[in-house]
Amino acid sequence: MTHEEFNAFLTDISCSLITKDFQLWADRVELPFSIVTSTGPNVSHTLEALRVQFDLYVQACENMNLDMVYRTPLSCEHCEDGTVIGTYRTELLCHGQRMTEPFTSSALLKNAEGVWRMTAILNARGHAVWAGRPPDIGGTPK
C-alpha cells in the first residue's frame, strides 16, 4: 500500500459518513468487520449489521453538525502476511472547528482483488463518544 492509496482509502471512509454513502463504506470493508473501542469490540458479520453501525455513525455526524471527517495518514506497517496496519489521526469538524479532540486509530487492511479493504479498526471511538450522547434509537429520549 502506497501513501497515495492509504490517503485515498481514508478519504473514501471519511466522505462516506458525511455523504451518507453506505455503498462507499461497504466497498472499503471486508466482513466480518470489527470496530474495537475502549468499551470492547463490535463485530459486523453481515451487510445488514454493518449498515446498522454505519447509520449510528452517520447519526452521530448529524447530531454534531459535522461537515467534514478529516483523517491524516500517519504510518503504514506492511506485515509478512500481506496485510497492512494503517495508522491515522481523525478530526471531526463543523465549519473548520473541531467538535472533539483529535484521536489516533489504526485499520487492519487487506488487498482483495486490487482494492484495499479494512477488516478492523483499532482504538476507534464509538458513535456515542463522537456525539457525547447515545444515539436516538426508537424511544430513547433526546
Protein backbone atom coordinates (compact mmCIF):
# COMPACT_ATOMS: atom_id res chain seq x y z
CA MET A 1 0.00 0.00 0.00
CA THR A 2 1.41 3.34 -1.04
CA HIS A 3 0.89 6.61 0.80
CA GLU A 4 -1.44 7.71 -2.03
CA GLU A 5 -3.51 4.51 -1.74
CA PHE A 6 -3.79 4.93 2.04
CA ASN A 7 -4.81 8.56 1.66
CA ALA A 8 -7.46 7.60 -0.95
CA PHE A 9 -8.76 4.89 1.40
CA LEU A 10 -9.04 7.39 4.27
CA THR A 11 -10.79 9.91 2.02
CA ASP A 12 -13.36 7.28 0.99
CA ILE A 13 -14.21 6.16 4.53
CA SER A 14 -14.39 9.77 5.73
CA CYS A 15 -16.55 11.06 2.87
CA SER A 16 -18.91 8.09 3.14
CA LEU A 17 -20.05 9.29 6.57
CA ILE A 18 -20.69 12.90 5.56
CA THR A 19 -22.40 11.98 2.28
CA LYS A 20 -24.26 9.05 3.92
CA ASP A 21 -22.91 6.76 1.20
CA PHE A 22 -23.19 3.29 2.71
CA GLN A 23 -22.06 1.61 -0.51
CA LEU A 24 -18.77 3.55 -0.48
CA TRP A 25 -18.23 2.48 3.16
CA ALA A 26 -19.16 -1.14 2.42
CA ASP A 27 -16.81 -1.20 -0.59
CA ARG A 28 -13.91 -0.42 1.78
CA VAL A 29 -14.85 -3.07 4.37
CA GLU A 30 -14.32 -6.81 4.41
CA LEU A 31 -16.69 -8.89 6.54
CA PRO A 32 -16.53 -9.86 9.29
CA PHE A 33 -15.59 -6.31 10.32
CA SER A 34 -14.55 -5.34 13.85
CA ILE A 35 -14.59 -1.92 15.45
CA VAL A 36 -12.61 -2.04 18.69
CA THR A 37 -13.32 0.82 21.12
CA SER A 38 -12.44 1.40 24.76
CA THR A 39 -15.65 -0.42 25.69
CA GLY A 40 -14.78 -3.51 23.64
CA PRO A 41 -15.23 -4.91 20.14
CA ASN A 42 -18.26 -4.70 17.90
CA VAL A 43 -18.26 -7.22 15.06
CA SER A 44 -20.45 -6.96 11.97
CA HIS A 45 -20.83 -10.34 10.26
CA THR A 46 -23.40 -9.25 7.66
CA LEU A 47 -24.06 -6.22 5.47
CA GLU A 48 -27.22 -5.61 7.48
CA ALA A 49 -25.24 -5.42 10.74
CA LEU A 50 -22.64 -3.22 9.06
CA ARG A 51 -25.43 -0.92 7.90
CA VAL A 52 -26.78 -0.57 11.45
CA GLN A 53 -23.35 0.52 12.74
CA PHE A 54 -22.80 2.84 9.77
CA ASP A 55 -26.17 4.52 10.36
CA LEU A 56 -25.29 5.11 14.03
CA TYR A 57 -22.07 6.88 12.99
CA VAL A 58 -23.99 8.94 10.41
CA GLN A 59 -26.47 9.91 13.13
CA ALA A 60 -23.57 10.98 15.37
CA CYS A 61 -22.26 13.15 12.50
CA GLU A 62 -25.69 14.75 12.15
CA ASN A 63 -26.01 15.28 15.92
CA MET A 64 -22.70 17.19 15.91
CA ASN A 65 -23.47 19.03 12.64
CA LEU A 66 -20.26 17.71 11.11
CA ASP A 67 -19.41 18.80 7.61
CA MET A 68 -16.03 17.06 7.50
CA VAL A 69 -14.36 13.99 8.92
CA TYR A 70 -10.70 14.63 8.26
CA ARG A 71 -8.25 11.74 8.54
CA THR A 72 -4.49 12.27 8.27
CA PRO A 73 -2.35 9.24 7.43
CA LEU A 74 0.43 8.74 9.99
CA SER A 75 2.04 5.41 9.04
CA CYS A 76 1.64 2.15 7.16
CA GLU A 77 3.20 -1.01 8.57
CA HIS A 78 3.49 -3.78 6.00
CA CYS A 79 3.06 -7.22 7.58
CA GLU A 80 4.53 -10.52 6.41
CA ASP A 81 1.09 -11.91 5.52
CA GLY A 82 0.42 -9.10 3.02
CA THR A 83 -1.84 -7.09 5.31
CA VAL A 84 -1.11 -3.51 6.31
CA ILE A 85 -1.69 -1.72 9.59
CA GLY A 86 -2.53 1.86 8.66
CA THR A 87 -2.47 4.41 11.45
CA TYR A 88 -4.22 7.76 11.12
CA ARG A 89 -5.44 10.76 13.08
CA THR A 90 -9.12 11.75 12.92
CA GLU A 91 -10.58 15.21 13.34
CA LEU A 92 -14.34 15.79 13.46
CA LEU A 93 -15.11 19.25 12.08
CA CYS A 94 -18.01 21.66 11.72
CA HIS A 95 -17.16 24.70 9.58
CA GLY A 96 -13.47 24.12 10.28
CA GLN A 97 -13.91 23.96 14.05
CA ARG A 98 -13.02 20.79 15.93
CA MET A 99 -16.04 19.29 17.64
CA THR A 100 -13.95 16.82 19.69
CA GLU A 101 -10.28 16.33 20.40
CA PRO A 102 -8.45 14.56 17.56
CA PHE A 103 -7.76 10.87 18.08
CA THR A 104 -5.49 8.22 16.58
CA SER A 105 -6.69 4.87 15.27
CA SER A 106 -5.32 2.00 13.20
CA ALA A 107 -7.01 -0.03 10.50
CA LEU A 108 -6.04 -3.56 9.55
CA LEU A 109 -6.12 -3.51 5.75
CA LYS A 110 -6.17 -6.30 3.20
CA ASN A 111 -5.89 -6.07 -0.57
CA ALA A 112 -8.73 -8.04 -2.16
CA GLU A 113 -8.99 -8.01 -5.96
CA GLY A 114 -6.91 -4.84 -6.19
CA VAL A 115 -8.97 -2.88 -3.62
CA TRP A 116 -7.76 -2.12 -0.10
CA ARG A 117 -10.41 -3.02 2.46
CA MET A 118 -10.36 -2.86 6.25
CA THR A 119 -11.13 -5.86 8.41
CA ALA A 120 -10.85 -3.97 11.71
CA ILE A 121 -10.40 -0.53 13.24
CA LEU A 122 -8.46 -0.44 16.50
CA ASN A 123 -8.76 2.34 19.06
CA ALA A 124 -11.86 3.66 17.36
CA ARG A 125 -14.26 5.98 19.11
CA GLY A 126 -17.79 4.71 19.33
CA HIS A 127 -20.61 6.71 17.76
CA ALA A 128 -21.93 7.70 21.21
CA VAL A 129 -18.50 9.09 22.14
CA TRP A 130 -18.36 11.11 18.91
CA ALA A 131 -21.57 12.90 19.76
CA GLY A 132 -21.17 12.85 23.52
CA ARG A 133 -24.54 11.15 23.90
CA PRO A 134 -26.24 7.88 22.98
CA PRO A 135 -27.83 7.59 19.53
CA ASP A 136 -31.50 8.35 19.02
CA ILE A 137 -32.87 4.83 18.78
CA GLY A 138 -36.67 4.48 18.86
CA GLY A 139 -37.96 5.51 22.25
CA THR A 140 -34.67 6.94 23.55
CA PRO A 141 -35.29 10.43 24.98
CA LYS A 142 -33.30 13.25 23.44
